[in-house]
């Protein structure tokens, strides 16, 4: 995959991934998302991920990011349907465990999720909403070829205002990562 992306693949979320989700709930990984969740919330999230991954209607899918070399789980990623400005879109989000960060795993996994969402042929746009303070996730969006749509405020978790960048990728357009940053006009 070149020196800018790690050799990873994504695998559908499975029953045995609860401990991966617990590891991804670490305070340093949740600082841009309103903080860590209780174990009860993590278990509920795991069940939602299982339901989404079992869905066959194209509403989305959750995955674990896996090292191609070792088979070791490196993090989580997925896409799901969301209403955004009156339009049905996909949203994506990811978490890479600390020991695997800064190796291109998030970029490689996001490229794989773009292709999975594109293959559904259900929604035109895929959005990502990283915190304006999350430099690493915003860099992933630029590297993958998302278009910067501007800053906005969302609630995540519900009741917690979060200032984010809205990044959008057109799933109907041929897309080559690394074409450089793109900005809405």
N, C-alpha and C. Protein backbone atom coordinates (compact mmCIF):
# COMPACT_ATOMS: atom_id res chain seq x y z
N UNK A 1 0.81 -1.21 0.00
CA UNK A 1 0.00 0.00 0.00
C UNK A 1 0.85 1.26 0.00
N UNK A 2 2.13 1.16 -0.03
CA UNK A 2 2.97 2.35 0.00
C UNK A 2 3.32 2.73 1.42
N UNK A 3 4.16 3.74 1.56
CA UNK A 3 4.62 4.10 2.90
C UNK A 3 3.65 4.98 3.65
N UNK A 4 2.56 5.42 3.04
CA UNK A 4 1.64 6.32 3.73
C UNK A 4 0.47 5.58 4.37
N UNK A 5 0.30 4.31 4.06
CA UNK A 5 -0.80 3.57 4.66
C UNK A 5 -0.31 2.22 5.16
N UNK A 6 -0.89 1.78 6.23
CA UNK A 6 -0.53 0.49 6.83
C UNK A 6 -1.21 -0.64 6.07
N UNK A 7 -0.64 -1.83 6.19
CA UNK A 7 -1.26 -3.01 5.61
C UNK A 7 -2.30 -3.53 6.59
N UNK A 8 -3.55 -3.17 6.33
CA UNK A 8 -4.66 -3.57 7.20
C UNK A 8 -5.80 -4.07 6.33
N UNK A 9 -6.71 -4.76 6.96
CA UNK A 9 -7.99 -5.04 6.32
C UNK A 9 -9.06 -4.86 7.39
N UNK A 10 -10.30 -4.82 6.93
CA UNK A 10 -11.41 -4.67 7.87
C UNK A 10 -12.23 -5.94 7.84
N UNK A 11 -12.73 -6.32 9.01
CA UNK A 11 -13.55 -7.52 9.17
C UNK A 11 -14.83 -7.13 9.89
N UNK A 12 -15.95 -7.73 9.48
CA UNK A 12 -17.25 -7.42 10.08
C UNK A 12 -17.21 -7.60 11.60
N UNK A 13 -17.87 -6.70 12.29
CA UNK A 13 -17.96 -6.74 13.75
C UNK A 13 -18.58 -8.07 14.16
N UNK A 14 -18.04 -8.68 15.23
CA UNK A 14 -18.50 -10.00 15.66
C UNK A 14 -18.67 -10.03 17.18
N UNK A 15 -19.34 -11.06 17.64
CA UNK A 15 -19.61 -11.22 19.08
C UNK A 15 -18.34 -11.09 19.92
N UNK A 16 -17.24 -11.62 19.45
CA UNK A 16 -15.99 -11.60 20.21
C UNK A 16 -15.27 -10.26 20.25
N UNK A 17 -15.87 -9.21 19.70
CA UNK A 17 -15.20 -7.91 19.63
C UNK A 17 -15.49 -6.98 20.80
N UNK A 18 -16.20 -7.46 21.81
CA UNK A 18 -16.52 -6.60 22.95
C UNK A 18 -15.26 -6.07 23.63
N UNK A 19 -14.25 -6.90 23.82
CA UNK A 19 -13.03 -6.42 24.49
C UNK A 19 -12.29 -5.39 23.65
N UNK A 20 -12.36 -5.50 22.33
CA UNK A 20 -11.78 -4.46 21.47
C UNK A 20 -12.50 -3.14 21.70
N UNK A 21 -13.82 -3.20 21.81
CA UNK A 21 -14.59 -1.98 22.05
C UNK A 21 -14.26 -1.40 23.43
N UNK A 22 -14.05 -2.26 24.40
CA UNK A 22 -13.63 -1.78 25.73
C UNK A 22 -12.28 -1.09 25.65
N UNK A 23 -11.34 -1.66 24.89
CA UNK A 23 -10.02 -1.05 24.74
C UNK A 23 -10.12 0.30 24.02
N UNK A 24 -11.04 0.41 23.06
CA UNK A 24 -11.23 1.65 22.31
C UNK A 24 -11.94 2.72 23.15
N UNK A 25 -12.43 2.36 24.31
CA UNK A 25 -13.13 3.27 25.21
C UNK A 25 -12.16 3.97 26.18
N UNK A 26 -10.87 3.84 25.95
CA UNK A 26 -9.86 4.45 26.83
C UNK A 26 -10.01 5.97 26.83
N UNK A 27 -9.76 6.61 27.97
CA UNK A 27 -9.92 8.06 28.06
C UNK A 27 -9.18 8.84 26.97
N UNK A 28 -7.95 8.44 26.65
CA UNK A 28 -7.18 9.18 25.64
C UNK A 28 -7.78 9.03 24.24
N UNK A 29 -8.55 7.98 24.01
CA UNK A 29 -9.18 7.78 22.71
C UNK A 29 -10.56 8.43 22.64
N UNK A 30 -11.15 8.69 23.77
CA UNK A 30 -12.51 9.26 23.82
C UNK A 30 -12.52 10.75 24.17
N UNK A 31 -11.35 11.34 24.30
CA UNK A 31 -11.28 12.74 24.73
C UNK A 31 -11.97 13.69 23.75
N UNK A 32 -11.99 13.37 22.46
CA UNK A 32 -12.65 14.22 21.46
C UNK A 32 -14.12 13.86 21.27
N UNK A 33 -14.61 12.90 22.07
CA UNK A 33 -15.99 12.42 21.91
C UNK A 33 -16.79 12.50 23.21
N UNK A 34 -16.42 13.41 24.07
CA UNK A 34 -17.18 13.60 25.29
C UNK A 34 -16.76 12.71 26.44
N UNK A 35 -15.71 11.94 26.30
CA UNK A 35 -15.20 11.11 27.39
C UNK A 35 -15.62 9.66 27.26
N UNK A 36 -15.01 8.84 28.10
CA UNK A 36 -15.28 7.40 28.10
C UNK A 36 -16.71 7.10 28.52
N UNK A 37 -17.21 5.97 28.04
CA UNK A 37 -18.54 5.50 28.39
C UNK A 37 -18.44 4.50 29.54
N UNK A 38 -19.54 4.31 30.26
CA UNK A 38 -19.60 3.27 31.30
C UNK A 38 -19.56 1.91 30.61
N UNK A 39 -19.25 0.86 31.36
CA UNK A 39 -19.22 -0.47 30.75
C UNK A 39 -20.60 -0.85 30.22
N UNK A 40 -21.65 -0.42 30.91
CA UNK A 40 -23.01 -0.69 30.43
C UNK A 40 -23.24 -0.03 29.06
N UNK A 41 -22.76 1.18 28.88
CA UNK A 41 -22.88 1.87 27.59
C UNK A 41 -22.05 1.18 26.51
N UNK A 42 -20.87 0.68 26.88
CA UNK A 42 -20.03 -0.03 25.91
C UNK A 42 -20.70 -1.32 25.45
N UNK A 43 -21.30 -2.05 26.39
CA UNK A 43 -22.02 -3.28 26.03
C UNK A 43 -23.19 -2.96 25.11
N UNK A 44 -23.92 -1.89 25.40
CA UNK A 44 -25.04 -1.49 24.54
C UNK A 44 -24.54 -1.10 23.15
N UNK A 45 -23.41 -0.41 23.09
CA UNK A 45 -22.82 -0.03 21.80
C UNK A 45 -22.43 -1.29 21.02
N UNK A 46 -21.83 -2.25 21.71
CA UNK A 46 -21.43 -3.52 21.08
C UNK A 46 -22.66 -4.21 20.45
N UNK A 47 -23.77 -4.21 21.17
CA UNK A 47 -24.99 -4.82 20.63
C UNK A 47 -25.49 -4.06 19.40
N UNK A 48 -25.40 -2.73 19.42
CA UNK A 48 -25.78 -1.94 18.24
C UNK A 48 -24.86 -2.25 17.06
N UNK A 49 -23.57 -2.41 17.33
CA UNK A 49 -22.62 -2.75 16.27
C UNK A 49 -22.94 -4.11 15.67
N UNK A 50 -23.29 -5.07 16.54
CA UNK A 50 -23.65 -6.40 16.05
C UNK A 50 -24.89 -6.33 15.16
N UNK A 51 -25.89 -5.56 15.59
CA UNK A 51 -27.12 -5.41 14.79
C UNK A 51 -26.82 -4.76 13.45
N UNK A 52 -26.02 -3.72 13.46
CA UNK A 52 -25.69 -3.03 12.22
C UNK A 52 -24.92 -3.96 11.28
N UNK A 53 -24.01 -4.73 11.82
CA UNK A 53 -23.22 -5.64 10.98
C UNK A 53 -24.04 -6.81 10.45
N UNK A 54 -25.14 -7.12 11.12
CA UNK A 54 -26.02 -8.20 10.64
C UNK A 54 -27.03 -7.68 9.61
N UNK A 55 -27.16 -6.37 9.50
CA UNK A 55 -28.12 -5.77 8.59
C UNK A 55 -27.72 -6.05 7.14
N UNK A 56 -28.67 -6.44 6.33
CA UNK A 56 -28.38 -6.74 4.93
C UNK A 56 -29.04 -5.74 3.98
N UNK A 57 -29.57 -4.64 4.51
CA UNK A 57 -30.27 -3.68 3.67
C UNK A 57 -29.38 -2.53 3.20
N UNK A 58 -28.12 -2.52 3.63
CA UNK A 58 -27.21 -1.46 3.20
C UNK A 58 -27.21 -0.23 4.07
N UNK A 59 -27.79 -0.33 5.27
CA UNK A 59 -27.85 0.82 6.16
C UNK A 59 -26.50 1.12 6.82
N UNK A 60 -25.56 0.20 6.69
CA UNK A 60 -24.24 0.43 7.25
C UNK A 60 -23.62 -0.85 7.74
N UNK A 61 -22.45 -0.69 8.31
CA UNK A 61 -21.72 -1.85 8.81
C UNK A 61 -20.62 -1.36 9.74
N UNK A 62 -20.35 -2.14 10.77
CA UNK A 62 -19.23 -1.87 11.67
C UNK A 62 -18.17 -2.94 11.46
N UNK A 63 -16.91 -2.52 11.65
CA UNK A 63 -15.78 -3.41 11.42
C UNK A 63 -14.73 -3.26 12.52
N UNK A 64 -13.90 -4.29 12.62
CA UNK A 64 -12.67 -4.15 13.38
C UNK A 64 -11.57 -3.96 12.35
N UNK A 65 -10.61 -3.12 12.68
CA UNK A 65 -9.43 -2.91 11.84
C UNK A 65 -8.41 -3.96 12.27
N UNK A 66 -7.87 -4.71 11.31
CA UNK A 66 -6.99 -5.84 11.61
C UNK A 66 -5.67 -5.68 10.86
N UNK A 67 -4.57 -5.96 11.56
CA UNK A 67 -3.26 -5.96 10.92
C UNK A 67 -3.18 -7.10 9.91
N UNK A 68 -2.83 -6.79 8.67
CA UNK A 68 -2.70 -7.82 7.65
C UNK A 68 -1.52 -8.75 7.98
N UNK A 69 -0.53 -8.23 8.66
CA UNK A 69 0.67 -9.02 8.96
C UNK A 69 0.46 -10.00 10.12
N UNK A 70 -0.25 -9.53 11.17
CA UNK A 70 -0.34 -10.34 12.38
C UNK A 70 -1.75 -10.84 12.71
N UNK A 71 -2.76 -10.26 12.09
CA UNK A 71 -4.15 -10.60 12.42
C UNK A 71 -4.63 -9.94 13.70
N UNK A 72 -3.81 -9.09 14.27
CA UNK A 72 -4.13 -8.42 15.54
C UNK A 72 -5.13 -7.29 15.33
N UNK A 73 -6.17 -7.20 16.19
CA UNK A 73 -7.11 -6.08 16.07
C UNK A 73 -6.41 -4.76 16.42
N UNK A 74 -6.63 -3.76 15.59
CA UNK A 74 -5.96 -2.46 15.74
C UNK A 74 -6.92 -1.34 16.11
N UNK A 75 -8.23 -1.58 15.91
CA UNK A 75 -9.19 -0.52 16.19
C UNK A 75 -10.54 -0.84 15.59
N UNK A 76 -11.37 0.19 15.51
CA UNK A 76 -12.74 0.05 15.02
C UNK A 76 -13.01 1.09 13.94
N UNK A 77 -13.93 0.76 13.05
CA UNK A 77 -14.36 1.69 12.00
C UNK A 77 -15.71 1.22 11.49
N UNK A 78 -16.46 2.11 10.91
CA UNK A 78 -17.73 1.71 10.34
C UNK A 78 -18.38 2.85 9.58
N UNK A 79 -19.54 2.55 9.04
CA UNK A 79 -20.37 3.58 8.39
C UNK A 79 -21.82 3.23 8.68
N UNK A 80 -22.66 4.25 8.78
CA UNK A 80 -24.06 4.08 9.12
C UNK A 80 -24.86 5.23 8.53
N UNK A 81 -26.14 4.98 8.35
CA UNK A 81 -27.00 6.02 7.79
C UNK A 81 -27.32 7.08 8.84
N UNK A 82 -27.48 8.30 8.31
CA UNK A 82 -27.74 9.46 9.15
C UNK A 82 -28.48 10.49 8.31
N UNK A 83 -29.36 11.25 8.92
CA UNK A 83 -29.96 12.40 8.25
C UNK A 83 -29.03 13.59 8.46
N UNK A 84 -28.68 14.28 7.39
CA UNK A 84 -27.83 15.46 7.51
C UNK A 84 -28.36 16.52 6.56
N UNK A 85 -28.80 17.63 7.14
CA UNK A 85 -29.37 18.74 6.36
C UNK A 85 -30.48 18.25 5.43
N UNK A 86 -31.36 17.39 5.97
CA UNK A 86 -32.51 16.91 5.24
C UNK A 86 -32.22 15.84 4.20
N UNK A 87 -31.02 15.32 4.19
CA UNK A 87 -30.62 14.31 3.21
C UNK A 87 -30.13 13.05 3.92
N UNK A 88 -30.47 11.90 3.35
CA UNK A 88 -29.98 10.63 3.87
C UNK A 88 -28.54 10.44 3.38
N UNK A 89 -27.60 10.30 4.32
CA UNK A 89 -26.18 10.13 4.00
C UNK A 89 -25.62 9.00 4.85
N UNK A 90 -24.40 8.61 4.54
CA UNK A 90 -23.65 7.76 5.45
C UNK A 90 -22.72 8.64 6.27
N UNK A 91 -22.49 8.21 7.50
CA UNK A 91 -21.48 8.81 8.35
C UNK A 91 -20.45 7.74 8.66
N UNK A 92 -19.21 8.14 8.83
CA UNK A 92 -18.16 7.21 9.21
C UNK A 92 -17.41 7.74 10.41
N UNK A 93 -16.82 6.83 11.16
CA UNK A 93 -15.98 7.18 12.30
C UNK A 93 -15.07 6.01 12.61
N UNK A 94 -13.96 6.29 13.26
CA UNK A 94 -12.96 5.27 13.53
C UNK A 94 -12.22 5.57 14.82
N UNK A 95 -11.62 4.53 15.37
CA UNK A 95 -10.72 4.63 16.51
C UNK A 95 -9.59 3.63 16.28
N UNK A 96 -8.37 4.10 16.41
CA UNK A 96 -7.21 3.23 16.31
C UNK A 96 -6.55 3.18 17.68
N UNK A 97 -6.27 1.97 18.17
CA UNK A 97 -5.67 1.81 19.49
C UNK A 97 -4.28 2.46 19.53
N UNK A 98 -3.87 2.97 20.70
CA UNK A 98 -2.62 3.74 20.81
C UNK A 98 -1.38 3.05 20.22
N UNK A 99 -1.23 1.77 20.41
CA UNK A 99 -0.05 1.08 19.91
C UNK A 99 0.04 0.99 18.40
N UNK A 100 -1.03 1.37 17.70
CA UNK A 100 -1.07 1.27 16.24
C UNK A 100 -1.23 2.62 15.55
N UNK A 101 -1.24 3.69 16.33
CA UNK A 101 -1.42 5.02 15.76
C UNK A 101 -0.16 5.48 15.04
N UNK A 102 -0.34 6.45 14.15
CA UNK A 102 0.75 7.07 13.39
C UNK A 102 1.44 6.10 12.43
N UNK A 103 0.72 5.07 12.01
CA UNK A 103 1.25 4.09 11.05
C UNK A 103 0.39 4.01 9.79
N UNK A 104 -0.63 4.84 9.69
CA UNK A 104 -1.49 4.83 8.52
C UNK A 104 -2.67 3.88 8.60
N UNK A 105 -2.88 3.27 9.76
CA UNK A 105 -3.98 2.30 9.90
C UNK A 105 -5.34 2.96 9.68
N UNK A 106 -5.55 4.14 10.25
CA UNK A 106 -6.85 4.81 10.09
C UNK A 106 -7.09 5.18 8.63
N UNK A 107 -6.07 5.65 7.95
CA UNK A 107 -6.21 6.02 6.54
C UNK A 107 -6.55 4.79 5.70
N UNK A 108 -5.80 3.71 5.90
CA UNK A 108 -6.05 2.49 5.12
C UNK A 108 -7.44 1.93 5.40
N UNK A 109 -7.85 1.91 6.66
CA UNK A 109 -9.17 1.40 7.01
C UNK A 109 -10.27 2.29 6.45
N UNK A 110 -10.06 3.60 6.46
CA UNK A 110 -11.07 4.51 5.92
C UNK A 110 -11.21 4.32 4.41
N UNK A 111 -10.10 4.11 3.73
CA UNK A 111 -10.19 3.81 2.29
C UNK A 111 -11.02 2.55 2.06
N UNK A 112 -10.85 1.53 2.90
CA UNK A 112 -11.63 0.29 2.77
C UNK A 112 -13.11 0.56 3.04
N UNK A 113 -13.41 1.38 4.03
CA UNK A 113 -14.81 1.70 4.35
C UNK A 113 -15.45 2.52 3.23
N UNK A 114 -14.69 3.42 2.63
CA UNK A 114 -15.21 4.17 1.48
C UNK A 114 -15.67 3.19 0.40
N UNK A 115 -14.86 2.20 0.11
CA UNK A 115 -15.23 1.23 -0.93
C UNK A 115 -16.43 0.39 -0.50
N UNK A 116 -16.51 0.03 0.77
CA UNK A 116 -17.67 -0.74 1.26
C UNK A 116 -18.95 0.09 1.15
N UNK A 117 -18.88 1.37 1.54
CA UNK A 117 -20.06 2.24 1.44
C UNK A 117 -20.43 2.48 -0.03
N UNK A 118 -19.43 2.68 -0.85
CA UNK A 118 -19.68 2.88 -2.28
C UNK A 118 -20.36 1.67 -2.90
N UNK A 119 -19.96 0.47 -2.49
CA UNK A 119 -20.52 -0.77 -3.04
C UNK A 119 -22.00 -0.94 -2.70
N UNK A 120 -22.46 -0.30 -1.64
CA UNK A 120 -23.89 -0.39 -1.27
C UNK A 120 -24.78 0.32 -2.29
N UNK A 121 -24.27 1.32 -2.97
CA UNK A 121 -25.04 2.09 -3.96
C UNK A 121 -26.37 2.59 -3.39
N UNK A 122 -26.31 3.05 -2.15
CA UNK A 122 -27.54 3.46 -1.45
C UNK A 122 -27.57 4.97 -1.21
N UNK A 123 -26.47 5.55 -0.78
CA UNK A 123 -26.39 6.97 -0.48
C UNK A 123 -25.26 7.60 -1.27
N UNK A 124 -25.46 8.83 -1.67
CA UNK A 124 -24.43 9.50 -2.49
C UNK A 124 -23.22 9.94 -1.67
N UNK A 125 -23.47 10.42 -0.45
CA UNK A 125 -22.37 11.02 0.31
C UNK A 125 -22.03 10.25 1.57
N UNK A 126 -20.74 10.26 1.87
CA UNK A 126 -20.20 9.75 3.13
C UNK A 126 -19.59 10.94 3.86
N UNK A 127 -20.02 11.17 5.10
CA UNK A 127 -19.52 12.27 5.91
C UNK A 127 -18.70 11.74 7.07
N UNK A 128 -17.75 12.55 7.51
CA UNK A 128 -17.02 12.32 8.76
C UNK A 128 -17.09 13.63 9.53
N UNK A 129 -17.19 13.53 10.85
CA UNK A 129 -17.36 14.71 11.69
C UNK A 129 -16.35 14.71 12.85
N UNK A 130 -15.05 14.78 12.56
CA UNK A 130 -14.09 14.82 13.66
C UNK A 130 -14.11 16.17 14.37
N UNK A 131 -13.81 16.14 15.65
CA UNK A 131 -13.68 17.37 16.42
C UNK A 131 -12.66 18.29 15.74
N UNK A 132 -12.91 19.59 15.80
CA UNK A 132 -11.94 20.53 15.23
C UNK A 132 -10.59 20.41 15.93
N UNK A 133 -10.56 19.85 17.12
CA UNK A 133 -9.31 19.68 17.88
C UNK A 133 -8.61 18.36 17.61
N UNK A 134 -9.24 17.49 16.82
CA UNK A 134 -8.68 16.16 16.55
C UNK A 134 -7.87 16.22 15.25
N UNK A 135 -6.62 16.67 15.38
CA UNK A 135 -5.77 16.85 14.20
C UNK A 135 -5.57 15.55 13.42
N UNK A 136 -5.42 14.43 14.12
CA UNK A 136 -5.15 13.15 13.45
C UNK A 136 -6.33 12.74 12.57
N UNK A 137 -7.55 12.81 13.09
CA UNK A 137 -8.72 12.40 12.30
C UNK A 137 -8.99 13.36 11.15
N UNK A 138 -8.75 14.64 11.37
CA UNK A 138 -8.91 15.60 10.27
C UNK A 138 -7.87 15.33 9.18
N UNK A 139 -6.67 14.93 9.56
CA UNK A 139 -5.64 14.59 8.58
C UNK A 139 -6.05 13.36 7.76
N UNK A 140 -6.67 12.37 8.42
CA UNK A 140 -7.15 11.19 7.70
C UNK A 140 -8.15 11.61 6.63
N UNK A 141 -9.08 12.49 6.98
CA UNK A 141 -10.07 12.95 6.01
C UNK A 141 -9.40 13.60 4.80
N UNK A 142 -8.39 14.44 5.04
CA UNK A 142 -7.67 15.08 3.94
C UNK A 142 -6.97 14.04 3.07
N UNK A 143 -6.27 13.10 3.71
CA UNK A 143 -5.52 12.08 2.97
C UNK A 143 -6.42 11.20 2.12
N UNK A 144 -7.60 10.88 2.62
CA UNK A 144 -8.51 9.99 1.91
C UNK A 144 -9.21 10.71 0.75
N UNK A 145 -9.27 12.03 0.82
CA UNK A 145 -9.88 12.78 -0.28
C UNK A 145 -11.24 13.36 0.00
N UNK A 146 -11.64 13.43 1.28
CA UNK A 146 -12.89 14.08 1.65
C UNK A 146 -12.78 15.59 1.34
N UNK A 147 -13.91 16.21 1.11
CA UNK A 147 -13.99 17.65 0.89
C UNK A 147 -14.38 18.32 2.19
N UNK A 148 -13.64 19.35 2.58
CA UNK A 148 -13.95 20.11 3.80
C UNK A 148 -15.16 21.00 3.53
N UNK A 149 -16.24 20.77 4.27
CA UNK A 149 -17.47 21.52 4.09
C UNK A 149 -17.61 22.67 5.10
N UNK A 150 -16.74 22.70 6.10
CA UNK A 150 -16.76 23.76 7.10
C UNK A 150 -17.00 23.22 8.50
N UNK A 151 -16.92 24.12 9.45
CA UNK A 151 -17.16 23.76 10.85
C UNK A 151 -18.65 23.82 11.15
N UNK A 152 -19.06 22.99 12.11
CA UNK A 152 -20.43 23.03 12.60
C UNK A 152 -20.46 22.46 14.01
N UNK A 153 -21.59 22.60 14.65
CA UNK A 153 -21.76 22.05 15.99
C UNK A 153 -22.74 20.89 15.92
N UNK A 154 -22.37 19.77 16.56
CA UNK A 154 -23.25 18.62 16.68
C UNK A 154 -23.33 18.27 18.17
N UNK A 155 -24.27 17.42 18.50
CA UNK A 155 -24.35 16.92 19.87
C UNK A 155 -23.82 15.50 19.90
N UNK A 156 -22.70 15.32 20.60
CA UNK A 156 -22.19 13.97 20.78
C UNK A 156 -21.34 13.92 22.03
N UNK A 157 -21.72 13.04 22.93
CA UNK A 157 -22.98 12.31 22.97
C UNK A 157 -24.15 13.28 23.13
N UNK A 158 -25.39 12.77 22.97
CA UNK A 158 -26.55 13.66 23.07
C UNK A 158 -26.48 14.55 24.32
N UNK A 159 -26.73 15.83 24.10
CA UNK A 159 -26.68 16.79 25.19
C UNK A 159 -25.32 17.43 25.38
N UNK A 160 -24.32 16.97 24.64
CA UNK A 160 -22.95 17.49 24.76
C UNK A 160 -22.57 18.16 23.44
N UNK A 161 -22.57 19.51 23.39
CA UNK A 161 -22.21 20.19 22.14
C UNK A 161 -20.75 19.94 21.78
N UNK A 162 -20.50 19.68 20.51
CA UNK A 162 -19.16 19.38 20.04
C UNK A 162 -18.93 20.14 18.74
N UNK A 163 -17.85 20.91 18.69
CA UNK A 163 -17.49 21.65 17.48
C UNK A 163 -16.68 20.70 16.59
N UNK A 164 -17.18 20.47 15.36
CA UNK A 164 -16.57 19.50 14.45
C UNK A 164 -16.33 20.12 13.08
N UNK A 165 -15.51 19.44 12.31
CA UNK A 165 -15.39 19.72 10.89
C UNK A 165 -16.28 18.74 10.16
N UNK A 166 -17.03 19.24 9.20
CA UNK A 166 -17.87 18.39 8.34
C UNK A 166 -17.06 18.09 7.09
N UNK A 167 -16.69 16.83 6.92
CA UNK A 167 -15.97 16.36 5.73
C UNK A 167 -16.92 15.50 4.92
N UNK A 168 -16.92 15.66 3.61
CA UNK A 168 -17.85 14.92 2.75
C UNK A 168 -17.09 14.29 1.57
N UNK A 169 -17.48 13.07 1.25
CA UNK A 169 -16.93 12.37 0.10
C UNK A 169 -18.08 11.91 -0.78
N UNK A 170 -17.99 12.20 -2.07
CA UNK A 170 -19.03 11.81 -3.03
C UNK A 170 -18.76 10.37 -3.47
N UNK A 171 -19.62 9.46 -3.05
CA UNK A 171 -19.44 8.04 -3.35
C UNK A 171 -19.74 7.71 -4.81
N UNK A 172 -20.34 8.64 -5.54
CA UNK A 172 -20.64 8.39 -6.96
C UNK A 172 -19.51 8.84 -7.87
N UNK A 173 -18.52 9.50 -7.32
CA UNK A 173 -17.40 9.98 -8.12
C UNK A 173 -16.21 9.03 -7.98
N UNK A 174 -15.50 8.79 -9.08
CA UNK A 174 -14.25 8.02 -8.95
C UNK A 174 -13.34 8.79 -8.01
N UNK A 175 -12.59 8.09 -7.25
CA UNK A 175 -11.89 8.74 -6.16
C UNK A 175 -10.51 8.10 -6.01
N UNK A 176 -9.52 8.93 -5.96
CA UNK A 176 -8.17 8.45 -5.70
C UNK A 176 -7.66 9.16 -4.47
N UNK A 177 -7.32 8.41 -3.44
CA UNK A 177 -6.76 9.01 -2.23
C UNK A 177 -5.42 9.63 -2.59
N UNK A 178 -5.09 10.67 -1.85
CA UNK A 178 -3.80 11.28 -2.06
C UNK A 178 -3.80 12.32 -3.17
N UNK A 179 -4.96 12.64 -3.73
CA UNK A 179 -5.03 13.67 -4.76
C UNK A 179 -4.85 15.06 -4.14
N UNK A 180 -4.67 15.11 -2.85
CA UNK A 180 -4.50 16.37 -2.17
C UNK A 180 -5.78 16.80 -1.49
N UNK A 181 -5.68 17.78 -0.59
CA UNK A 181 -6.86 18.24 0.13
C UNK A 181 -7.86 18.88 -0.82
N UNK A 182 -9.08 18.75 -0.45
CA UNK A 182 -10.16 19.30 -1.25
C UNK A 182 -10.99 20.20 -0.35
N UNK A 183 -11.47 21.29 -0.89
CA UNK A 183 -12.26 22.23 -0.09
C UNK A 183 -13.52 22.61 -0.83
N UNK A 184 -14.62 22.71 -0.10
CA UNK A 184 -15.89 23.14 -0.70
C UNK A 184 -15.78 24.59 -1.14
N UNK A 185 -16.45 24.94 -2.20
CA UNK A 185 -16.41 26.32 -2.70
C UNK A 185 -17.78 26.95 -2.55
